[in-house]
Amino acid sequence: MPEKSRSVPGKSAKFAVAASPFNPVKLELGIILVVALLWAAVVTTWVPSVMVQMALLALYGIGAMVWLVRRTAKVSRHEASKLRDGTS
């Protein structure tokens, strides 16, 4: 019977990635993208004026951008303060 190859990891080998402090921001980005698709479908269906459609979609995009930038900055500041304080 051939011996098991050591180049292929067995079931005992574990691969883990440390959790990122930005995971909540990534989740919010995903939610924002899904809502943006729904918002675009609603706006293009119910609003007859193309200029108003563009304005509503631009307002949503700008609002989402501001939200994500602020959340990312908040997480970054929190992580930087943890590094300064030496806590985890």
N, C-alpha and C. Protein backbone atom coordinates (compact mmCIF):
# COMPACT_ATOMS: atom_id res chain seq x y z
N MET A 1 0.83 -1.17 0.00
CA MET A 1 0.00 0.00 0.00
C MET A 1 0.89 1.24 0.00
N PRO A 2 0.60 2.22 -0.87
CA PRO A 2 1.46 3.41 -0.92
C PRO A 2 1.30 4.27 0.33
N GLU A 3 2.41 4.88 0.69
CA GLU A 3 2.42 5.76 1.86
C GLU A 3 1.73 7.08 1.52
N LYS A 4 1.05 7.65 2.50
CA LYS A 4 0.37 8.92 2.27
C LYS A 4 1.38 10.01 1.92
N SER A 5 1.01 10.83 0.98
CA SER A 5 1.87 11.94 0.59
C SER A 5 1.83 13.02 1.66
N ARG A 6 2.97 13.58 2.01
CA ARG A 6 3.04 14.62 3.03
C ARG A 6 2.81 16.01 2.43
N SER A 7 2.74 16.10 1.12
CA SER A 7 2.55 17.41 0.51
C SER A 7 1.09 17.87 0.58
N VAL A 8 0.18 16.96 0.81
CA VAL A 8 -1.23 17.30 0.92
C VAL A 8 -1.59 17.33 2.39
N PRO A 9 -2.10 18.46 2.88
CA PRO A 9 -2.41 18.54 4.30
C PRO A 9 -3.57 17.61 4.65
N GLY A 10 -3.47 17.05 5.81
CA GLY A 10 -4.52 16.17 6.28
C GLY A 10 -5.60 16.96 6.99
N LYS A 11 -6.48 16.24 7.63
CA LYS A 11 -7.58 16.90 8.33
C LYS A 11 -7.12 17.65 9.56
N SER A 12 -5.94 17.33 10.05
CA SER A 12 -5.46 18.00 11.26
C SER A 12 -4.91 19.40 10.98
N ALA A 13 -4.59 19.68 9.72
CA ALA A 13 -4.07 21.01 9.38
C ALA A 13 -5.20 22.02 9.41
N LYS A 14 -4.98 23.13 10.08
CA LYS A 14 -6.00 24.16 10.19
C LYS A 14 -5.48 25.45 9.57
N PHE A 15 -6.37 26.13 8.91
CA PHE A 15 -6.03 27.40 8.29
C PHE A 15 -6.99 28.44 8.86
N ALA A 16 -6.44 29.43 9.49
CA ALA A 16 -7.30 30.46 10.09
C ALA A 16 -6.76 31.84 9.75
N VAL A 17 -7.66 32.75 9.57
CA VAL A 17 -7.30 34.13 9.29
C VAL A 17 -7.82 34.97 10.45
N ALA A 18 -6.99 35.85 10.93
CA ALA A 18 -7.39 36.71 12.04
C ALA A 18 -8.53 37.63 11.59
N ALA A 19 -9.46 37.87 12.48
CA ALA A 19 -10.59 38.75 12.16
C ALA A 19 -10.09 40.18 11.98
N SER A 20 -10.63 40.83 10.98
CA SER A 20 -10.24 42.21 10.71
C SER A 20 -11.16 43.15 11.47
N PRO A 21 -10.62 44.23 12.00
CA PRO A 21 -11.48 45.22 12.66
C PRO A 21 -12.40 45.93 11.65
N PHE A 22 -12.10 45.79 10.37
CA PHE A 22 -12.90 46.43 9.33
C PHE A 22 -14.03 45.53 8.82
N ASN A 23 -14.21 44.35 9.40
CA ASN A 23 -15.27 43.46 8.94
C ASN A 23 -16.67 44.09 9.04
N PRO A 24 -16.99 44.83 10.11
CA PRO A 24 -18.31 45.48 10.12
C PRO A 24 -18.48 46.50 8.99
N VAL A 25 -17.39 47.19 8.64
CA VAL A 25 -17.46 48.16 7.55
C VAL A 25 -17.67 47.43 6.22
N LYS A 26 -17.02 46.29 6.05
CA LYS A 26 -17.22 45.49 4.84
C LYS A 26 -18.66 45.02 4.72
N LEU A 27 -19.24 44.61 5.84
CA LEU A 27 -20.64 44.19 5.84
C LEU A 27 -21.54 45.36 5.46
N GLU A 28 -21.28 46.53 6.02
CA GLU A 28 -22.07 47.71 5.68
C GLU A 28 -21.93 48.06 4.20
N LEU A 29 -20.75 47.90 3.65
CA LEU A 29 -20.55 48.15 2.21
C LEU A 29 -21.42 47.20 1.39
N GLY A 30 -21.45 45.94 1.77
CA GLY A 30 -22.28 44.97 1.06
C GLY A 30 -23.75 45.34 1.13
N ILE A 31 -24.20 45.75 2.31
CA ILE A 31 -25.60 46.15 2.47
C ILE A 31 -25.90 47.40 1.64
N ILE A 32 -24.97 48.35 1.65
CA ILE A 32 -25.15 49.57 0.86
C ILE A 32 -25.25 49.24 -0.62
N LEU A 33 -24.45 48.31 -1.11
CA LEU A 33 -24.49 47.95 -2.53
C LEU A 33 -25.82 47.28 -2.89
N VAL A 34 -26.31 46.40 -2.04
CA VAL A 34 -27.59 45.74 -2.32
C VAL A 34 -28.72 46.76 -2.31
N VAL A 35 -28.72 47.64 -1.31
CA VAL A 35 -29.76 48.67 -1.24
C VAL A 35 -29.64 49.62 -2.44
N ALA A 36 -28.43 49.89 -2.89
CA ALA A 36 -28.24 50.77 -4.05
C ALA A 36 -28.88 50.16 -5.30
N LEU A 37 -28.73 48.86 -5.48
CA LEU A 37 -29.36 48.21 -6.63
C LEU A 37 -30.89 48.30 -6.54
N LEU A 38 -31.43 48.06 -5.35
CA LEU A 38 -32.87 48.17 -5.17
C LEU A 38 -33.34 49.61 -5.37
N TRP A 39 -32.58 50.56 -4.82
CA TRP A 39 -32.91 51.98 -4.96
C TRP A 39 -32.89 52.41 -6.43
N ALA A 40 -31.90 51.93 -7.17
CA ALA A 40 -31.82 52.27 -8.59
C ALA A 40 -33.02 51.71 -9.35
N ALA A 41 -33.43 50.49 -9.01
CA ALA A 41 -34.59 49.91 -9.68
C ALA A 41 -35.86 50.71 -9.37
N VAL A 42 -36.02 51.10 -8.12
CA VAL A 42 -37.21 51.87 -7.72
C VAL A 42 -37.20 53.24 -8.38
N VAL A 43 -36.07 53.91 -8.33
CA VAL A 43 -36.00 55.28 -8.87
C VAL A 43 -36.23 55.28 -10.38
N THR A 44 -35.60 54.35 -11.08
CA THR A 44 -35.76 54.35 -12.54
C THR A 44 -37.17 53.93 -12.96
N THR A 45 -37.88 53.22 -12.09
CA THR A 45 -39.24 52.80 -12.41
C THR A 45 -40.26 53.89 -12.07
N TRP A 46 -40.12 54.55 -10.96
CA TRP A 46 -41.15 55.45 -10.47
C TRP A 46 -40.91 56.93 -10.80
N VAL A 47 -39.70 57.30 -11.11
CA VAL A 47 -39.40 58.72 -11.38
C VAL A 47 -39.23 58.90 -12.88
N PRO A 48 -40.12 59.70 -13.49
CA PRO A 48 -40.05 59.83 -14.96
C PRO A 48 -38.88 60.71 -15.46
N SER A 49 -38.46 61.68 -14.70
CA SER A 49 -37.42 62.60 -15.15
C SER A 49 -36.02 61.99 -14.94
N VAL A 50 -35.25 61.98 -16.01
CA VAL A 50 -33.90 61.43 -15.93
C VAL A 50 -33.01 62.28 -15.02
N MET A 51 -33.21 63.58 -15.05
CA MET A 51 -32.40 64.46 -14.20
C MET A 51 -32.70 64.21 -12.71
N VAL A 52 -33.96 64.01 -12.37
CA VAL A 52 -34.32 63.72 -10.98
C VAL A 52 -33.78 62.35 -10.58
N GLN A 53 -33.85 61.39 -11.50
CA GLN A 53 -33.28 60.07 -11.24
C GLN A 53 -31.80 60.18 -10.90
N MET A 54 -31.08 60.91 -11.74
CA MET A 54 -29.64 61.08 -11.52
C MET A 54 -29.37 61.78 -10.19
N ALA A 55 -30.17 62.77 -9.86
CA ALA A 55 -29.99 63.50 -8.60
C ALA A 55 -30.23 62.59 -7.40
N LEU A 56 -31.28 61.79 -7.45
CA LEU A 56 -31.58 60.88 -6.35
C LEU A 56 -30.50 59.81 -6.19
N LEU A 57 -30.04 59.27 -7.31
CA LEU A 57 -28.99 58.26 -7.24
C LEU A 57 -27.67 58.87 -6.76
N ALA A 58 -27.39 60.10 -7.20
CA ALA A 58 -26.17 60.78 -6.75
C ALA A 58 -26.23 61.08 -5.26
N LEU A 59 -27.40 61.51 -4.77
CA LEU A 59 -27.55 61.77 -3.34
C LEU A 59 -27.33 60.49 -2.53
N TYR A 60 -27.87 59.38 -3.00
CA TYR A 60 -27.66 58.11 -2.30
C TYR A 60 -26.17 57.76 -2.31
N GLY A 61 -25.52 57.91 -3.45
CA GLY A 61 -24.10 57.59 -3.56
C GLY A 61 -23.24 58.46 -2.66
N ILE A 62 -23.53 59.74 -2.62
CA ILE A 62 -22.76 60.65 -1.77
C ILE A 62 -23.00 60.33 -0.30
N GLY A 63 -24.25 60.06 0.06
CA GLY A 63 -24.56 59.68 1.44
C GLY A 63 -23.85 58.40 1.85
N ALA A 64 -23.85 57.41 0.96
CA ALA A 64 -23.17 56.15 1.25
C ALA A 64 -21.66 56.37 1.39
N MET A 65 -21.11 57.21 0.53
CA MET A 65 -19.68 57.49 0.58
C MET A 65 -19.31 58.15 1.91
N VAL A 66 -20.08 59.14 2.31
CA VAL A 66 -19.80 59.84 3.57
C VAL A 66 -19.91 58.86 4.74
N TRP A 67 -20.93 58.02 4.73
CA TRP A 67 -21.11 57.04 5.80
C TRP A 67 -19.90 56.10 5.89
N LEU A 68 -19.47 55.56 4.76
CA LEU A 68 -18.36 54.61 4.76
C LEU A 68 -17.04 55.27 5.15
N VAL A 69 -16.82 56.49 4.69
CA VAL A 69 -15.59 57.19 5.05
C VAL A 69 -15.55 57.46 6.55
N ARG A 70 -16.67 57.89 7.11
CA ARG A 70 -16.72 58.17 8.55
C ARG A 70 -16.55 56.89 9.37
N ARG A 71 -17.20 55.79 8.95
CA ARG A 71 -17.08 54.52 9.68
C ARG A 71 -15.65 53.98 9.60
N THR A 72 -15.03 54.10 8.43
CA THR A 72 -13.65 53.63 8.27
C THR A 72 -12.71 54.46 9.13
N ALA A 73 -12.91 55.77 9.15
CA ALA A 73 -12.06 56.63 9.97
C ALA A 73 -12.25 56.31 11.45
N LYS A 74 -13.48 56.03 11.86
CA LYS A 74 -13.74 55.69 13.26
C LYS A 74 -13.02 54.40 13.65
N VAL A 75 -13.10 53.38 12.80
CA VAL A 75 -12.42 52.11 13.09
C VAL A 75 -10.91 52.32 13.09
N SER A 76 -10.40 53.10 12.15
CA SER A 76 -8.96 53.37 12.10
C SER A 76 -8.48 54.08 13.36
N ARG A 77 -9.24 55.10 13.80
CA ARG A 77 -8.87 55.81 15.02
C ARG A 77 -8.89 54.87 16.23
N HIS A 78 -9.90 54.03 16.28
CA HIS A 78 -10.00 53.09 17.39
C HIS A 78 -8.82 52.12 17.41
N GLU A 79 -8.46 51.60 16.25
CA GLU A 79 -7.31 50.68 16.16
C GLU A 79 -6.00 51.39 16.48
N ALA A 80 -5.86 52.64 16.03
CA ALA A 80 -4.64 53.40 16.32
C ALA A 80 -4.52 53.67 17.82
N SER A 81 -5.64 53.98 18.46
CA SER A 81 -5.58 54.22 19.90
C SER A 81 -5.26 52.93 20.66
N LYS A 82 -5.75 51.81 20.17
CA LYS A 82 -5.40 50.54 20.81
C LYS A 82 -3.91 50.25 20.67
N LEU A 83 -3.33 50.58 19.53
CA LEU A 83 -1.89 50.38 19.33
C LEU A 83 -1.09 51.30 20.23
N ARG A 84 -1.54 52.57 20.36
CA ARG A 84 -0.84 53.51 21.22
C ARG A 84 -0.89 53.07 22.68
N ASP A 85 -2.06 52.59 23.10
CA ASP A 85 -2.24 52.19 24.48
C ASP A 85 -1.64 50.81 24.78
N GLY A 86 -1.35 50.06 23.73
CA GLY A 86 -0.78 48.72 23.92
C GLY A 86 -1.79 47.68 24.29
N THR A 87 -3.08 47.95 24.02
CA THR A 87 -4.12 46.97 24.30
C THR A 87 -4.52 46.28 23.02
N SER A 88 -5.25 45.16 23.18
CA SER A 88 -5.71 44.48 21.97
C SER A 88 -7.17 44.55 21.79
